[in-house]
Amino acid sequence: MQYFIHHVKIIDGSNSPAYYGNVGIRDGQLVICPAQPSLSADSISIDGTGLTLCPGFIDSHSHSDLCMGADPHRTLFAKVSQGVTTEVNGQCGYSLFPIHPANSEISIGILGGFVSDRIRSVLPGMKQYSDYISYAGQCNNVTNSVQLVGHCLLRGAVMGTENRPATPKELDTMCRLLDQAMRQGAKGLSSGLVYIPGAYCDHAELTALCKVIAPYGGIYATHMRNEADEVEHSVADSIAIAREAGVKLVISHHKICGKQNWGRSVKTLEQIRCAHEEGVAVYLDLYPYHATMTSLDNCIPPQYMSAGFSHLKELLADADSRREITAQIKQNPAAYDNPYINTGGFHKIMVSVAPGTPDAVGKTVAEYADLYNMDPFDAYYQLLIDNDNHCMASFFSLSEDEMLSIYASPYAMIGSDSILNEAGGPSHPRAYGSFIRPLAEFALKRRLLPLEQAVYKQTGLTASVWNIPNKGLIRDGYDADLVLLDESKLRDMADFRDGTRPAQGVVMVMNAGRIIYENNRLTGEYPGRAF
């Protein structure tokens, strides 16, 4: 026995009541011990009195693949410090593969500010899924990960960023590349239907691609086309794709954007419930906060993005084009999922990452405009230009009450939707708090649900939905991925002004029976694997 944790409160991830007992760890796997076994001299005994043991948390929606190979202390500390041991990567249509075979700059442009110069330098070698897995295997991995194929990269590898339907030949090539990735071990397909070039596809394209992943038990995850005025239609369309293709569906970071739409989750959750009744497996994940975070350029109408940022930059430098774009951004109701309208204006859009204009970070676009006595739209366009579009922002367009209603759904899991800047710096609080906030705030403080159910939403349920074997439960023979908590100290600390403060109350985290986090720091162990 390598470790023996005794007299500990066990929440086993199955949504069953907690119990007190002992857990052993041998060869990276769990051994449930009704009584204390005989221990060898080199066994380490851990007194769990007053503490709570849970399965390692599983992030249903992660972007850690986009910084694969970075210093884990800068990127994965955020996840591990709150108990995450496994992540589902390749979300929102973005993955590091497949790269355009003749022109990797197209794929690099699609990834844009989501990746660092270091990642851009290795992208030309990421022709297929196996190239990515080979690269990941050479990195210092603290967490485990499973991987989806990003539709934006898949489409970009075949037809660039053109704003048109795929031809039959192009669709056939996409299907072939996707089938290759599934044969090599990919978990499914993700789409980002507000991002370029994913925004240019149609229902038929996505259905055809999902039919490719169906024989492999593949899962379709979607950042839907609209999470605001047309959210119910987007849910219906996503369900229809899953139904027609015969695949499991996960609606990514489900939310209702825009005050004018708050309350519509009553209908979207009913759509999901009815889909289950007819036999379509539909789930959702969410992060437990009232603001989104994505690229600052998301306010720009999609039709101006098809020729890449260099062309957009030319448009933004032209006074007539600016006026035209501004008029379309201001159009209400919006013709697209427009965060400017959903938030109510630039006073609710806070710059989070801006390497070229660091004085903008932590300020709303309106505050930044006031600082330089600029028109807010001029300030917005200038931020995009000065940062070569490598800007991220938090968009305050959500209702906390609505978020809690979505969280209460029996089909809801936790997904952080986070990617950390390799250089460090500001972050949306979801990166450091998504897995502790529900436990500390919703379960223990507000008593909105039992702690066992909150744990289940980020362990057993997630492992089951994503078909991740031997994880998510404390069971004999399961992988020894564990998080040890002190409930009396449990608290999420990150907020929108300082999103990088680690959570409190996480005593220890194990992956494959090796301690990866203790005493508020990473230990330097790298047992994680990409599979």
Protein backbone atom coordinates (compact mmCIF):
# COMPACT_ATOMS: atom_id res chain seq x y z
CA MET A 1 0.00 0.00 0.00
CA GLN A 2 1.52 3.32 -1.08
CA TYR A 3 -0.89 5.56 0.84
CA PHE A 4 -3.57 4.93 3.44
CA ILE A 5 -6.13 7.69 4.13
CA HIS A 6 -8.10 6.87 7.25
CA HIS A 7 -11.03 8.22 9.27
CA VAL A 8 -12.04 10.47 6.40
CA LYS A 9 -15.48 11.61 5.21
CA ILE A 10 -15.93 10.09 1.73
CA ILE A 11 -18.10 11.62 -0.98
CA ASP A 12 -17.69 8.98 -3.64
CA GLY A 13 -18.96 10.88 -6.72
CA SER A 14 -22.07 8.77 -7.27
CA ASN A 15 -24.53 11.20 -5.62
CA SER A 16 -24.90 8.74 -2.74
CA PRO A 17 -24.78 9.98 0.88
CA ALA A 18 -21.34 10.61 2.35
CA TYR A 19 -19.86 8.05 4.72
CA TYR A 20 -16.78 7.71 6.90
CA GLY A 21 -14.13 5.20 6.03
CA ASN A 22 -10.63 4.42 4.82
CA VAL A 23 -9.11 4.47 1.35
CA GLY A 24 -5.85 2.88 0.28
CA ILE A 25 -3.81 3.52 -2.84
CA ARG A 26 -1.76 0.81 -4.51
CA ASP A 27 -0.09 1.05 -7.94
CA GLY A 28 -2.08 4.17 -8.81
CA GLN A 29 -5.45 2.58 -8.06
CA LEU A 30 -7.94 2.80 -5.21
CA VAL A 31 -8.46 0.15 -2.57
CA ILE A 32 -11.50 0.58 -0.31
CA CYS A 33 -10.52 -0.62 3.17
CA PRO A 34 -13.30 -1.47 5.66
CA ALA A 35 -10.64 -1.82 8.35
CA GLN A 36 -7.03 -0.76 8.60
CA PRO A 37 -4.86 -3.19 6.63
CA SER A 38 -1.36 -4.17 7.58
CA LEU A 39 0.94 -1.51 6.15
CA SER A 40 4.47 -1.89 4.87
CA ALA A 41 7.25 0.25 6.27
CA ASP A 42 7.22 2.54 3.26
CA SER A 43 3.45 3.17 3.34
CA ILE A 44 2.34 6.72 4.10
CA SER A 45 -0.60 7.06 6.45
CA ILE A 46 -2.75 10.20 6.15
CA ASP A 47 -5.14 11.12 8.95
CA GLY A 48 -8.36 12.30 7.31
CA THR A 49 -10.11 13.29 10.53
CA GLY A 50 -12.14 16.42 9.89
CA LEU A 51 -11.49 16.27 6.14
CA THR A 52 -13.52 15.22 3.08
CA LEU A 53 -12.25 12.98 0.28
CA CYS A 54 -13.73 13.25 -3.22
CA PRO A 55 -12.82 11.89 -6.65
CA GLY A 56 -10.60 14.23 -8.64
CA PHE A 57 -12.77 16.82 -10.37
CA ILE A 58 -13.32 16.56 -14.13
CA ASP A 59 -13.50 19.76 -16.17
CA SER A 60 -16.21 19.14 -18.76
CA HIS A 61 -15.15 22.11 -20.87
CA SER A 62 -11.49 23.10 -21.00
CA HIS A 63 -9.05 24.77 -23.36
CA SER A 64 -5.82 23.64 -21.71
CA ASP A 65 -4.74 21.99 -24.97
CA LEU A 66 -4.24 25.46 -26.42
CA CYS A 67 -1.34 26.01 -24.01
CA MET A 68 -0.08 22.40 -23.96
CA GLY A 69 3.55 22.24 -22.95
CA ALA A 70 3.61 25.55 -21.09
CA ASP A 71 4.99 25.86 -17.57
CA PRO A 72 2.31 24.07 -15.47
CA HIS A 73 2.87 26.54 -12.63
CA ARG A 74 1.58 29.29 -14.92
CA THR A 75 -1.24 27.42 -16.61
CA LEU A 76 -2.40 24.27 -14.81
CA PHE A 77 -1.96 25.60 -11.26
CA ALA A 78 -5.37 27.26 -11.61
CA LYS A 79 -7.06 23.93 -12.26
CA VAL A 80 -5.11 21.68 -9.91
CA SER A 81 -5.34 24.12 -6.99
CA GLN A 82 -9.10 23.56 -6.98
CA GLY A 83 -8.95 19.78 -7.38
CA VAL A 84 -9.18 19.22 -11.15
CA THR A 85 -7.37 16.08 -12.31
CA THR A 86 -8.95 15.45 -15.74
CA GLU A 87 -10.02 17.84 -18.51
CA VAL A 88 -12.10 17.59 -21.69
CA ASN A 89 -10.14 19.66 -24.21
CA GLY A 90 -10.67 20.79 -27.80
CA GLN A 91 -13.84 22.78 -27.16
CA CYS A 92 -15.72 25.57 -28.97
CA GLY A 93 -14.44 24.41 -32.36
CA TYR A 94 -10.79 24.94 -31.42
CA SER A 95 -8.07 22.31 -31.29
CA LEU A 96 -4.41 22.32 -32.31
CA PHE A 97 -5.16 20.04 -35.24
CA PRO A 98 -5.74 19.37 -38.10
CA ILE A 99 -3.56 22.11 -39.55
CA HIS A 100 -3.96 23.28 -43.13
CA PRO A 101 -1.53 21.05 -45.07
CA ALA A 102 -0.38 23.71 -47.54
CA ASN A 103 -0.71 26.90 -45.49
CA SER A 104 -0.40 26.61 -41.72
CA GLU A 105 -0.81 30.40 -41.46
CA ILE A 106 -4.52 29.93 -42.17
CA SER A 107 -4.91 27.66 -39.16
CA ILE A 108 -2.70 29.89 -37.02
CA GLY A 109 -4.90 32.83 -37.97
CA ILE A 110 -8.02 30.93 -36.93
CA LEU A 111 -6.54 30.24 -33.49
CA GLY A 112 -5.50 33.88 -33.27
CA GLY A 113 -5.01 35.26 -29.77
CA PHE A 114 -6.04 32.00 -28.14
CA VAL A 115 -2.50 30.63 -28.52
CA SER A 116 1.02 31.86 -27.77
CA ASP A 117 3.97 32.31 -30.11
CA ARG A 118 5.37 29.09 -28.63
CA ILE A 119 2.30 27.13 -29.74
CA ARG A 120 2.28 28.85 -33.13
CA SER A 121 5.82 27.59 -33.69
CA VAL A 122 4.79 23.92 -33.30
CA LEU A 123 1.47 24.10 -35.15
CA PRO A 124 2.83 23.28 -38.63
CA GLY A 125 3.57 19.76 -37.38
CA MET A 126 0.01 19.15 -36.10
CA LYS A 127 -1.41 17.62 -39.28
CA GLN A 128 -3.59 15.09 -37.43
CA TYR A 129 -4.72 13.93 -34.01
CA SER A 130 -1.82 11.51 -33.60
CA ASP A 131 0.65 14.39 -34.06
CA TYR A 132 -1.03 16.27 -31.23
CA ILE A 133 -1.01 13.22 -28.94
CA SER A 134 2.67 12.64 -29.70
CA TYR A 135 3.44 16.25 -28.81
CA ALA A 136 1.32 16.10 -25.64
CA GLY A 137 3.14 12.94 -24.56
CA GLN A 138 6.42 14.87 -24.51
CA CYS A 139 5.03 17.59 -22.22
CA ASN A 140 4.95 17.82 -18.43
CA ASN A 141 1.29 16.94 -17.83
CA VAL A 142 -0.13 17.43 -14.36
CA THR A 143 -3.72 16.65 -15.37
CA ASN A 144 -5.22 13.99 -17.62
CA SER A 145 -7.07 15.02 -20.75
CA VAL A 146 -9.37 13.68 -23.41
CA GLN A 147 -9.58 15.51 -26.72
CA LEU A 148 -12.23 16.64 -29.18
CA VAL A 149 -11.68 17.65 -32.79
CA GLY A 150 -12.34 21.36 -33.27
CA HIS A 151 -14.68 22.07 -36.18
CA CYS A 152 -13.13 25.50 -36.83
CA LEU A 153 -9.73 23.90 -37.41
CA LEU A 154 -11.25 21.00 -39.37
CA ARG A 155 -13.09 23.36 -41.71
CA GLY A 156 -10.12 25.71 -41.92
CA ALA A 157 -7.79 22.88 -42.91
CA VAL A 158 -10.02 22.06 -45.87
CA MET A 159 -11.47 25.37 -47.05
CA GLY A 160 -9.81 28.14 -45.08
CA THR A 161 -12.05 30.90 -43.76
CA GLU A 162 -14.35 31.26 -46.76
CA ASN A 163 -17.90 32.39 -45.97
CA ARG A 164 -19.88 29.79 -47.92
CA PRO A 165 -21.25 26.27 -47.66
CA ALA A 166 -18.80 23.43 -48.19
CA THR A 167 -18.83 21.70 -51.55
CA PRO A 168 -19.53 17.94 -51.57
CA LYS A 169 -15.83 17.29 -52.14
CA GLU A 170 -14.79 19.58 -49.27
CA LEU A 171 -17.32 17.97 -46.93
CA ASP A 172 -16.05 14.54 -47.91
CA THR A 173 -12.49 15.63 -47.07
CA MET A 174 -13.62 16.98 -43.69
CA CYS A 175 -15.39 13.69 -42.97
CA ARG A 176 -12.26 11.73 -43.90
CA LEU A 177 -10.05 13.82 -41.61
CA LEU A 178 -12.55 13.51 -38.78
CA ASP A 179 -12.81 9.74 -39.23
CA GLN A 180 -9.03 9.52 -39.09
CA ALA A 181 -8.98 11.41 -35.79
CA MET A 182 -11.70 9.21 -34.32
CA ARG A 183 -9.81 6.06 -35.32
CA GLN A 184 -6.74 7.51 -33.59
CA GLY A 185 -8.65 8.07 -30.36
CA ALA A 186 -10.41 11.45 -30.42
CA LYS A 187 -13.50 11.68 -28.20
CA GLY A 188 -15.77 13.52 -30.61
CA LEU A 189 -16.38 16.84 -32.35
CA SER A 190 -16.80 20.35 -30.99
CA SER A 191 -18.20 23.37 -32.80
CA GLY A 192 -17.91 27.09 -32.15
CA LEU A 193 -20.70 28.58 -34.24
CA VAL A 194 -19.93 32.19 -33.33
CA TYR A 195 -16.27 31.88 -34.33
CA ILE A 196 -14.60 32.00 -37.73
CA PRO A 197 -14.91 29.84 -39.82
CA GLY A 198 -17.41 27.78 -37.79
CA ALA A 199 -19.99 30.55 -38.11
CA TYR A 200 -20.16 29.94 -41.87
CA CYS A 201 -21.28 26.29 -41.77
CA ASP A 202 -24.84 25.00 -41.98
CA HIS A 203 -26.96 22.35 -40.31
CA ALA A 204 -26.28 19.77 -43.04
CA GLU A 205 -22.49 20.08 -42.64
CA LEU A 206 -22.61 19.53 -38.89
CA THR A 207 -25.04 16.63 -39.23
CA ALA A 208 -22.83 14.90 -41.79
CA LEU A 209 -19.79 15.30 -39.53
CA CYS A 210 -21.65 14.01 -36.50
CA LYS A 211 -22.65 10.92 -38.46
CA VAL A 212 -18.93 10.21 -38.84
CA ILE A 213 -18.35 10.17 -35.06
CA ALA A 214 -21.50 8.16 -34.28
CA PRO A 215 -20.06 4.65 -34.93
CA TYR A 216 -17.23 5.43 -32.49
CA GLY A 217 -19.60 6.52 -29.71
CA GLY A 218 -18.37 10.05 -30.35
CA ILE A 219 -19.85 13.05 -28.56
CA TYR A 220 -20.87 16.36 -30.13
CA ALA A 221 -20.19 19.47 -28.02
CA THR A 222 -21.38 22.81 -29.31
CA HIS A 223 -20.90 26.46 -28.54
CA MET A 224 -24.24 27.23 -30.15
CA ARG A 225 -24.86 29.77 -32.86
CA ASN A 226 -26.86 32.01 -30.55
CA GLU A 227 -27.06 32.16 -26.75
CA ALA A 228 -29.25 35.27 -26.70
CA ASP A 229 -32.31 36.25 -28.74
CA GLU A 230 -32.34 32.97 -30.69
CA VAL A 231 -31.25 30.65 -27.89
CA GLU A 232 -34.29 28.36 -28.06
CA HIS A 233 -33.86 27.92 -31.80
CA SER A 234 -30.16 27.16 -31.28
CA VAL A 235 -30.97 24.51 -28.67
CA ALA A 236 -33.56 22.97 -30.99
CA ASP A 237 -31.10 22.92 -33.89
CA SER A 238 -28.38 21.32 -31.74
CA ILE A 239 -30.79 18.63 -30.56
CA ALA A 240 -31.92 18.01 -34.14
CA ILE A 241 -28.30 17.43 -35.24
CA ALA A 242 -27.79 14.94 -32.40
CA ARG A 243 -31.07 13.19 -33.19
CA GLU A 244 -30.37 12.91 -36.93
CA ALA A 245 -26.79 11.74 -36.43
CA GLY A 246 -27.46 9.45 -33.47
CA VAL A 247 -24.89 11.02 -31.14
CA LYS A 248 -24.76 12.28 -27.57
CA LEU A 249 -24.91 16.08 -27.30
CA VAL A 250 -23.29 18.41 -24.77
CA ILE A 251 -24.40 22.04 -24.96
CA SER A 252 -21.32 24.02 -24.02
CA HIS A 253 -21.39 26.62 -21.21
CA HIS A 254 -25.17 26.91 -21.44
CA LYS A 255 -26.29 30.42 -20.63
CA ILE A 256 -28.86 33.06 -21.51
CA CYS A 257 -27.22 36.28 -22.67
CA GLY A 258 -28.86 39.68 -22.52
CA LYS A 259 -31.24 41.02 -19.89
CA GLN A 260 -34.01 41.05 -22.49
CA ASN A 261 -33.73 37.24 -22.63
CA TRP A 262 -33.39 36.35 -18.96
CA GLY A 263 -35.88 33.67 -18.00
CA ARG A 264 -35.64 31.72 -21.25
CA SER A 265 -33.77 28.89 -19.54
CA VAL A 266 -37.19 27.63 -18.42
CA LYS A 267 -37.82 26.78 -22.06
CA THR A 268 -34.33 25.59 -22.97
CA LEU A 269 -34.18 23.23 -20.00
CA GLU A 270 -37.60 21.89 -20.96
CA GLN A 271 -36.29 21.28 -24.49
CA ILE A 272 -33.44 19.25 -23.02
CA ARG A 273 -35.77 17.29 -20.72
CA CYS A 274 -38.09 16.45 -23.63
CA ALA A 275 -35.15 15.32 -25.75
CA HIS A 276 -34.19 12.84 -23.03
CA GLU A 277 -37.76 11.55 -22.94
CA GLU A 278 -37.58 10.76 -26.66
CA GLY A 279 -34.20 9.05 -26.25
CA VAL A 280 -31.78 11.78 -27.35
CA ALA A 281 -28.97 12.07 -24.78
CA VAL A 282 -28.49 15.81 -24.20
CA TYR A 283 -26.37 17.32 -21.44
CA LEU A 284 -24.91 20.71 -20.70
CA ASP A 285 -22.05 22.27 -18.83
CA LEU A 286 -21.67 25.72 -17.32
CA TYR A 287 -19.31 27.88 -15.31
CA PRO A 288 -20.85 29.34 -12.12
CA TYR A 289 -20.44 33.06 -12.88
CA HIS A 290 -22.51 35.92 -14.28
CA ALA A 291 -20.10 37.04 -17.01
CA THR A 292 -18.70 35.35 -20.09
CA MET A 293 -15.16 35.65 -21.40
CA THR A 294 -13.99 35.41 -24.97
CA SER A 295 -12.13 37.31 -27.66
CA LEU A 296 -12.82 41.05 -27.64
CA ASP A 297 -13.53 40.94 -31.38
CA ASN A 298 -16.73 39.01 -30.77
CA CYS A 299 -18.74 42.22 -31.18
CA ILE A 300 -17.69 42.43 -34.85
CA PRO A 301 -20.31 41.04 -37.28
CA PRO A 302 -19.07 37.70 -38.70
CA GLN A 303 -19.18 38.79 -42.34
CA TYR A 304 -16.25 41.15 -41.76
CA MET A 305 -14.00 38.38 -40.46
CA SER A 306 -13.82 35.93 -43.36
CA ALA A 307 -10.65 37.39 -44.90
CA GLY A 308 -8.71 37.33 -41.63
CA PHE A 309 -7.62 39.99 -39.20
CA SER A 310 -5.28 41.76 -41.62
CA HIS A 311 -8.27 42.61 -43.79
CA LEU A 312 -10.38 43.53 -40.77
CA LYS A 313 -7.57 45.81 -39.62
CA GLU A 314 -7.75 47.63 -42.96
CA LEU A 315 -11.50 48.03 -42.56
CA LEU A 316 -11.12 49.39 -39.03
CA ALA A 317 -8.62 51.96 -40.29
CA ASP A 318 -11.12 53.23 -42.87
CA ALA A 319 -13.63 55.81 -41.60
CA ASP A 320 -16.48 54.72 -43.90
CA SER A 321 -16.04 51.03 -43.01
CA ARG A 322 -15.95 51.90 -39.31
CA ARG A 323 -19.26 53.73 -39.60
CA GLU A 324 -20.79 50.75 -41.41
CA ILE A 325 -19.53 48.25 -38.82
CA THR A 326 -20.60 50.49 -35.95
CA ALA A 327 -24.13 50.77 -37.34
CA GLN A 328 -24.41 46.98 -37.54
CA ILE A 329 -23.03 46.48 -34.02
CA LYS A 330 -25.61 48.95 -32.68
CA GLN A 331 -28.50 47.26 -34.52
CA ASN A 332 -31.08 46.04 -32.01
CA PRO A 333 -32.42 43.40 -32.17
CA ALA A 334 -29.08 42.04 -33.32
CA ALA A 335 -28.64 40.09 -36.54
CA TYR A 336 -26.07 37.84 -34.81
CA ASP A 337 -25.12 36.82 -31.26
CA ASN A 338 -23.78 40.27 -30.39
CA PRO A 339 -22.22 40.76 -26.93
CA TYR A 340 -22.34 44.55 -27.31
CA ILE A 341 -26.15 44.37 -27.35
CA ASN A 342 -26.30 41.51 -24.84
CA THR A 343 -24.26 43.40 -22.25
CA GLY A 344 -25.93 46.74 -22.86
CA GLY A 345 -22.79 48.51 -24.09
CA PHE A 346 -19.08 48.97 -23.59
CA HIS A 347 -19.50 49.88 -19.92
CA LYS A 348 -20.20 46.16 -19.30
CA ILE A 349 -17.26 44.79 -21.34
CA MET A 350 -14.04 44.51 -19.29
CA VAL A 351 -10.68 43.96 -20.97
CA SER A 352 -8.93 40.92 -19.48
CA VAL A 353 -5.95 40.34 -21.80
CA ALA A 354 -4.33 43.04 -23.94
CA PRO A 355 -0.57 42.53 -24.40
CA GLY A 356 -0.16 45.66 -26.54
CA THR A 357 -2.09 47.98 -24.21
CA PRO A 358 -1.58 46.73 -20.65
CA ASP A 359 -3.18 49.88 -19.23
CA ALA A 360 -6.51 48.66 -20.64
CA VAL A 361 -6.51 45.47 -18.56
CA GLY A 362 -9.05 45.56 -15.73
CA LYS A 363 -10.92 48.46 -17.31
CA THR A 364 -14.13 48.39 -19.29
CA VAL A 365 -13.89 49.58 -22.87
CA ALA A 366 -15.88 52.66 -21.81
CA GLU A 367 -13.41 53.39 -18.98
CA TYR A 368 -10.50 52.99 -21.38
CA ALA A 369 -12.18 55.37 -23.82
CA ASP A 370 -12.67 57.94 -21.07
CA LEU A 371 -9.02 57.60 -20.04
CA TYR A 372 -7.94 58.79 -23.51
CA ASN A 373 -10.96 61.02 -24.20
CA MET A 374 -12.03 58.81 -27.11
CA ASP A 375 -15.36 57.75 -28.53
CA PRO A 376 -16.04 54.23 -27.10
CA PHE A 377 -16.28 52.66 -30.58
CA ASP A 378 -13.03 54.29 -31.65
CA ALA A 379 -11.40 53.01 -28.46
CA TYR A 380 -12.78 49.51 -29.14
CA TYR A 381 -11.43 49.39 -32.69
CA GLN A 382 -8.09 50.83 -31.58
CA LEU A 383 -7.75 48.14 -28.90
CA LEU A 384 -8.18 45.45 -31.58
CA ILE A 385 -5.61 47.15 -33.83
CA ASP A 386 -3.04 47.88 -31.13
CA ASN A 387 -3.18 44.29 -29.87
CA ASP A 388 -3.25 42.58 -33.29
CA ASN A 389 -6.61 41.20 -32.16
CA HIS A 390 -4.97 39.25 -29.30
CA CYS A 391 -7.47 40.64 -26.82
CA MET A 392 -9.77 38.88 -24.36
CA ALA A 393 -12.62 40.40 -22.38
CA SER A 394 -15.28 39.60 -19.80
CA PHE A 395 -18.85 40.37 -20.96
CA PHE A 396 -21.35 41.02 -18.14
CA SER A 397 -24.52 39.79 -19.83
CA LEU A 398 -25.79 37.02 -17.54
CA SER A 399 -28.17 36.68 -14.59
CA GLU A 400 -26.89 34.83 -11.52
CA ASP A 401 -30.40 33.56 -10.75
CA GLU A 402 -30.66 32.12 -14.26
CA MET A 403 -27.23 30.55 -13.92
CA LEU A 404 -28.37 28.83 -10.72
CA SER A 405 -31.49 27.51 -12.47
CA ILE A 406 -29.34 26.00 -15.19
CA TYR A 407 -26.92 24.58 -12.61
CA ALA A 408 -29.81 22.84 -10.85
CA SER A 409 -30.67 20.83 -13.97
CA PRO A 410 -30.03 17.10 -13.53
CA TYR A 411 -28.16 17.22 -16.85
CA ALA A 412 -25.73 19.98 -15.81
CA MET A 413 -21.99 19.53 -15.28
CA ILE A 414 -19.27 22.02 -14.41
CA GLY A 415 -16.91 23.24 -17.14
CA SER A 416 -14.51 26.10 -16.57
CA ASP A 417 -14.19 27.17 -20.24
CA SER A 418 -10.80 28.52 -19.21
CA ILE A 419 -7.49 29.03 -20.94
CA LEU A 420 -4.61 30.63 -19.08
CA ASN A 421 -2.21 33.16 -20.53
CA GLU A 422 1.23 31.54 -20.61
CA ALA A 423 2.79 34.83 -19.54
CA GLY A 424 0.57 34.97 -16.48
CA GLY A 425 -1.58 37.97 -15.66
CA PRO A 426 -5.34 38.56 -15.31
CA SER A 427 -7.97 35.89 -15.74
CA HIS A 428 -11.70 35.33 -15.55
CA PRO A 429 -12.38 33.92 -12.05
CA ARG A 430 -13.77 30.75 -13.60
CA ALA A 431 -10.17 29.57 -14.17
CA TYR A 432 -9.43 29.52 -10.43
CA GLY A 433 -12.84 28.98 -8.88
CA SER A 434 -15.32 27.04 -11.04
CA PHE A 435 -15.01 23.81 -9.03
CA ILE A 436 -14.85 25.26 -5.53
CA ARG A 437 -17.54 27.94 -5.86
CA PRO A 438 -20.41 25.43 -6.31
CA LEU A 439 -19.24 23.41 -3.28
CA ALA A 440 -18.47 26.34 -0.97
CA GLU A 441 -21.13 28.82 -2.04
CA PHE A 442 -24.06 26.87 -3.48
CA ALA A 443 -23.91 23.71 -1.33
CA LEU A 444 -22.29 24.58 1.99
CA LYS A 445 -23.21 28.25 2.40
CA ARG A 446 -26.54 28.71 0.63
CA ARG A 447 -27.71 25.08 1.00
CA LEU A 448 -29.14 25.13 -2.51
CA LEU A 449 -28.29 21.44 -2.95
CA PRO A 450 -26.54 18.70 -0.98
CA LEU A 451 -22.76 18.66 -1.14
CA GLU A 452 -22.90 15.11 -2.51
CA GLN A 453 -24.92 16.31 -5.50
CA ALA A 454 -22.58 19.22 -6.13
CA VAL A 455 -19.60 16.84 -6.14
CA TYR A 456 -21.46 14.44 -8.46
CA LYS A 457 -21.90 17.22 -11.04
CA GLN A 458 -18.14 17.53 -11.38
CA THR A 459 -17.11 13.88 -10.95
CA GLY A 460 -19.34 10.85 -11.52
CA LEU A 461 -21.79 12.52 -13.88
CA THR A 462 -19.01 14.06 -15.97
CA ALA A 463 -17.08 10.80 -16.27
CA SER A 464 -20.27 9.02 -17.34
CA VAL A 465 -21.31 11.61 -19.93
CA TRP A 466 -17.85 11.79 -21.52
CA ASN A 467 -17.27 8.00 -21.31
CA ILE A 468 -14.06 8.39 -19.30
CA PRO A 469 -13.32 4.98 -17.76
CA ASN A 470 -12.08 4.42 -14.19
CA LYS A 471 -12.56 8.04 -13.16
CA GLY A 472 -15.11 10.13 -11.31
CA LEU A 473 -15.84 7.63 -8.51
CA ILE A 474 -14.17 6.35 -5.36
CA ARG A 475 -14.40 2.62 -6.07
CA ASP A 476 -12.12 -0.39 -5.78
CA GLY A 477 -9.82 -0.51 -8.79
CA TYR A 478 -10.58 2.99 -10.01
CA ASP A 479 -7.76 5.41 -10.76
CA ALA A 480 -6.48 7.10 -7.62
CA ASP A 481 -7.43 10.62 -8.72
CA LEU A 482 -8.48 12.32 -5.48
CA VAL A 483 -9.01 15.69 -3.84
CA LEU A 484 -8.87 16.12 -0.06
CA LEU A 485 -10.90 19.08 1.24
CA ASP A 486 -11.33 20.96 4.49
CA GLU A 487 -14.99 21.97 4.33
CA SER A 488 -14.57 24.49 7.16
CA LYS A 489 -12.07 26.47 5.06
CA LEU A 490 -13.50 25.89 1.59
CA ARG A 491 -13.91 29.14 -0.31
CA ASP A 492 -13.39 30.44 -3.83
CA MET A 493 -11.29 33.62 -3.78
CA ALA A 494 -11.06 34.76 -7.42
CA ASP A 495 -13.25 37.61 -8.64
CA PHE A 496 -13.44 39.83 -11.73
CA ARG A 497 -10.92 42.36 -10.43
CA ASP A 498 -8.43 39.69 -9.41
CA GLY A 499 -9.19 36.42 -11.13
CA THR A 500 -5.96 34.68 -10.13
CA ARG A 501 -6.44 34.16 -6.40
CA PRO A 502 -6.40 30.42 -5.60
CA ALA A 503 -9.28 28.80 -3.75
CA GLN A 504 -8.92 27.94 -0.08
CA GLY A 505 -9.64 24.64 1.64
CA VAL A 506 -7.99 22.27 -0.86
CA VAL A 507 -5.60 20.24 1.27
CA MET A 508 -4.20 17.80 -1.28
CA VAL A 509 -4.77 16.60 -4.84
CA MET A 510 -3.67 13.23 -6.27
CA ASN A 511 -3.51 12.00 -9.84
CA ALA A 512 -2.83 8.29 -10.45
CA GLY A 513 -1.87 7.93 -6.79
CA ARG A 514 0.78 10.65 -6.92
CA ILE A 515 0.45 13.89 -4.98
CA ILE A 516 0.35 16.75 -7.48
CA TYR A 517 -0.76 19.55 -5.13
CA GLU A 518 -0.06 20.09 -1.44
CA ASN A 519 0.73 23.02 0.84
CA ASN A 520 -0.77 25.43 -1.71
CA ARG A 521 1.66 24.52 -4.47
CA LEU A 522 2.28 22.05 -7.27
CA THR A 523 4.66 19.33 -6.20
CA GLY A 524 6.50 18.83 -9.49
CA GLU A 525 4.92 15.43 -10.16
CA TYR A 526 3.70 14.90 -13.73
CA PRO A 527 1.50 11.77 -13.86
CA GLY A 528 -1.04 13.25 -16.28
CA ARG A 529 -1.63 11.80 -19.71
CA ALA A 530 -3.51 12.76 -22.85
CA PHE A 531 -5.67 9.97 -24.23
